[in-house]
Amino acid sequence: MQQIASFIRCIDDNRIRIDNNEEIMMKFLKILALFFMSFILVNCDNSKSDSTNTDSSKTSQSSQNYDASQAVVIAEAKKQLPIKVDQITTLVDIFAKDNFINYKYQITETPKDALLVPESQQIILDNIRQTYCSDLPEIKSLRAFFPNGANYHYYIDDEKIFSLQLTPASCQAK
């Protein structure tokens, strides 16, 4: 009976941690969305473009706009770091590469082998997919600014243990 009570307390503690994690991540995502929107508004240009522009220069300009937008978002997000996600996970870095947003997490108090179990990685993937694929305006903005997707990198003592990748196609497959 004592083991059952202990197990129930553990489940309740985990629910509280998950609720707190979602609240922290939502605040973080709202801040990112605010910077996305402000950057878009600053870069709005109603002037007519020169009709002599070629497709390649338009593509180059579009790419530069993504790079600039992503740089602003990443710079502002880094000001919030580190973010304690839960008792063992801390978001320590965010960077952009190839139109992906990349999150670097540091894991503590967990053996490497526990993270290498496929079931553990599947649980983590399911959780991040739920957030990445949500219809919240902040998340939609994030997906728009990083159209290729998101990479989640997990480290223990600066050693990369595994990475997970989500793309827009990941949301269609759920």
Protein backbone atom coordinates (compact mmCIF):
# COMPACT_ATOMS: atom_id res chain seq x y z
CA MET A 1 0.00 0.00 0.00
CA GLN A 2 2.85 2.34 0.82
CA GLN A 3 4.39 1.70 -2.62
CA ILE A 4 1.12 2.62 -4.34
CA ALA A 5 0.88 5.88 -2.39
CA SER A 6 4.48 6.68 -3.27
CA PHE A 7 3.81 5.97 -6.95
CA ILE A 8 0.72 8.22 -6.95
CA ARG A 9 2.72 11.05 -5.34
CA CYS A 10 5.35 10.61 -8.05
CA ILE A 11 2.71 10.86 -10.79
CA ASP A 12 1.21 13.99 -9.19
CA ASP A 13 4.68 15.56 -8.93
CA ASN A 14 5.29 14.82 -12.61
CA ARG A 15 1.95 16.42 -13.59
CA ILE A 16 2.89 19.56 -11.66
CA ARG A 17 6.30 19.63 -13.38
CA ILE A 18 4.70 19.21 -16.81
CA ASP A 19 2.21 22.02 -16.11
CA ASN A 20 5.05 24.30 -14.94
CA ASN A 21 7.15 23.37 -18.00
CA GLU A 22 4.32 24.19 -20.37
CA GLU A 23 3.85 27.53 -18.64
CA ILE A 24 7.56 28.36 -18.92
CA MET A 25 7.71 27.32 -22.57
CA MET A 26 4.55 29.30 -23.40
CA LYS A 27 6.04 32.46 -21.85
CA PHE A 28 9.19 31.87 -23.86
CA LEU A 29 7.25 31.30 -27.08
CA LYS A 30 5.13 34.40 -26.50
CA ILE A 31 8.31 36.46 -26.19
CA LEU A 32 9.60 34.93 -29.43
CA ALA A 33 6.30 35.67 -31.18
CA LEU A 34 6.41 39.28 -30.00
CA PHE A 35 9.83 39.71 -31.56
CA PHE A 36 8.71 37.96 -34.75
CA MET A 37 5.80 40.32 -35.13
CA SER A 38 7.80 43.44 -34.30
CA PHE A 39 10.47 42.44 -36.80
CA ILE A 40 7.87 41.89 -39.51
CA LEU A 41 6.33 45.29 -38.84
CA VAL A 42 9.70 47.02 -38.97
CA ASN A 43 10.57 45.32 -42.26
CA CYS A 44 7.27 46.05 -44.01
CA ASP A 45 7.90 48.00 -47.17
CA ASN A 46 5.03 49.37 -49.24
CA SER A 47 7.24 50.76 -51.97
CA LYS A 48 7.02 49.19 -55.40
CA SER A 49 9.87 46.90 -56.29
CA ASP A 50 12.05 47.51 -59.30
CA SER A 51 10.63 45.50 -62.18
CA THR A 52 14.15 44.66 -63.39
CA ASN A 53 14.71 42.35 -60.41
CA THR A 54 15.42 38.81 -61.48
CA ASP A 55 14.08 35.69 -59.79
CA SER A 56 17.50 34.93 -58.32
CA SER A 57 17.78 38.34 -56.70
CA LYS A 58 14.27 37.92 -55.25
CA THR A 59 15.27 34.54 -53.86
CA SER A 60 18.45 36.01 -52.44
CA GLN A 61 16.51 38.85 -50.84
CA SER A 62 13.99 36.38 -49.40
CA SER A 63 16.82 34.31 -47.96
CA GLN A 64 18.38 37.43 -46.46
CA ASN A 65 15.03 38.38 -44.92
CA TYR A 66 14.79 34.93 -43.30
CA ASP A 67 18.36 35.17 -42.04
CA ALA A 68 17.80 38.64 -40.61
CA SER A 69 14.49 37.68 -39.01
CA GLN A 70 15.95 34.53 -37.55
CA ALA A 71 18.97 36.41 -36.20
CA VAL A 72 16.75 38.88 -34.34
CA VAL A 73 14.59 36.12 -32.89
CA ILE A 74 17.58 34.05 -31.80
CA ALA A 75 19.34 37.05 -30.25
CA GLU A 76 16.28 37.95 -28.20
CA ALA A 77 15.66 34.35 -27.18
CA LYS A 78 19.25 33.93 -25.99
CA LYS A 79 18.69 36.77 -23.53
CA GLN A 80 16.23 34.49 -21.69
CA LEU A 81 18.69 31.61 -21.34
CA PRO A 82 19.26 29.40 -19.49
CA ILE A 83 15.70 28.19 -18.95
CA LYS A 84 15.10 25.38 -16.48
CA VAL A 85 12.56 23.15 -18.25
CA ASP A 86 12.23 20.59 -15.47
CA GLN A 87 14.30 19.07 -12.66
CA ILE A 88 16.77 17.46 -15.05
CA THR A 89 16.51 19.52 -18.25
CA THR A 90 17.82 23.02 -18.96
CA LEU A 91 17.60 24.84 -22.28
CA VAL A 92 21.11 26.29 -22.63
CA ASP A 93 21.36 27.46 -26.23
CA ILE A 94 19.27 28.33 -29.27
CA PHE A 95 20.62 28.85 -32.76
CA ALA A 96 19.47 28.92 -36.37
CA LYS A 97 20.96 26.81 -39.14
CA ASP A 98 19.56 26.10 -42.61
CA ASN A 99 16.14 27.55 -41.71
CA PHE A 100 15.88 25.22 -38.70
CA ILE A 101 15.65 26.47 -35.13
CA ASN A 102 17.97 24.42 -32.93
CA TYR A 103 17.54 23.91 -29.21
CA LYS A 104 20.38 22.64 -27.04
CA TYR A 105 19.34 21.00 -23.77
CA GLN A 106 21.62 20.00 -20.92
CA ILE A 107 20.46 16.93 -18.96
CA THR A 108 21.56 16.33 -15.37
CA GLU A 109 21.04 13.60 -12.80
CA THR A 110 20.21 11.06 -15.51
CA PRO A 111 22.43 8.28 -16.79
CA LYS A 112 23.27 8.35 -20.47
CA ASP A 113 21.85 4.86 -20.96
CA ALA A 114 18.41 6.00 -19.78
CA LEU A 115 18.29 8.54 -22.61
CA LEU A 116 19.45 6.06 -25.23
CA VAL A 117 16.47 3.78 -24.66
CA PRO A 118 14.19 4.12 -27.72
CA GLU A 119 11.10 4.39 -25.53
CA SER A 120 12.58 7.39 -23.70
CA GLN A 121 13.33 9.14 -26.96
CA GLN A 122 9.84 8.37 -28.27
CA ILE A 123 8.25 9.93 -25.17
CA ILE A 124 10.37 13.06 -25.63
CA LEU A 125 9.56 13.16 -29.36
CA ASP A 126 5.82 12.84 -28.68
CA ASN A 127 5.98 15.70 -26.16
CA ILE A 128 7.91 18.08 -28.39
CA ARG A 129 5.75 17.18 -31.41
CA GLN A 130 2.63 18.11 -29.43
CA THR A 131 4.07 21.58 -28.79
CA TYR A 132 5.65 22.05 -32.25
CA CYS A 133 2.45 21.05 -34.06
CA SER A 134 0.04 23.03 -31.90
CA ASP A 135 -2.20 25.71 -33.41
CA LEU A 136 -1.12 28.41 -30.98
CA PRO A 137 -0.30 31.68 -32.77
CA GLU A 138 3.16 31.79 -31.18
CA ILE A 139 4.01 28.34 -32.49
CA LYS A 140 2.62 29.09 -35.95
CA SER A 141 4.85 32.19 -36.09
CA LEU A 142 7.84 30.16 -35.02
CA ARG A 143 7.18 27.59 -37.76
CA ALA A 144 6.83 30.40 -40.30
CA PHE A 145 10.20 31.92 -39.41
CA PHE A 146 11.95 28.55 -39.38
CA PRO A 147 10.21 26.80 -42.30
CA ASN A 148 12.45 23.73 -42.37
CA GLY A 149 11.60 22.78 -38.78
CA ALA A 150 13.23 22.38 -35.40
CA ASN A 151 16.11 20.31 -34.06
CA TYR A 152 16.34 19.32 -30.41
CA HIS A 153 19.82 18.37 -29.17
CA TYR A 154 20.27 16.66 -25.80
CA TYR A 155 23.60 16.71 -23.96
CA ILE A 156 25.04 15.30 -20.76
CA ASP A 157 28.25 17.00 -19.58
CA ASP A 158 28.77 18.60 -23.02
CA GLU A 159 28.53 15.22 -24.76
CA LYS A 160 25.78 15.01 -27.36
CA ILE A 161 23.57 12.05 -26.48
CA PHE A 162 20.93 12.31 -29.20
CA SER A 163 19.01 14.72 -31.43
CA LEU A 164 15.44 14.81 -32.63
CA GLN A 165 14.13 16.67 -35.67
CA LEU A 166 10.63 17.91 -36.42
CA THR A 167 9.54 19.33 -39.75
CA PRO A 168 6.19 20.61 -40.97
CA ALA A 169 5.59 17.09 -42.32
CA SER A 170 5.85 15.79 -38.74
CA CYS A 171 2.59 17.56 -37.97
CA GLN A 172 0.79 15.96 -40.88
CA ALA A 173 1.91 12.51 -39.74
CA LYS A 174 0.48 12.79 -36.23
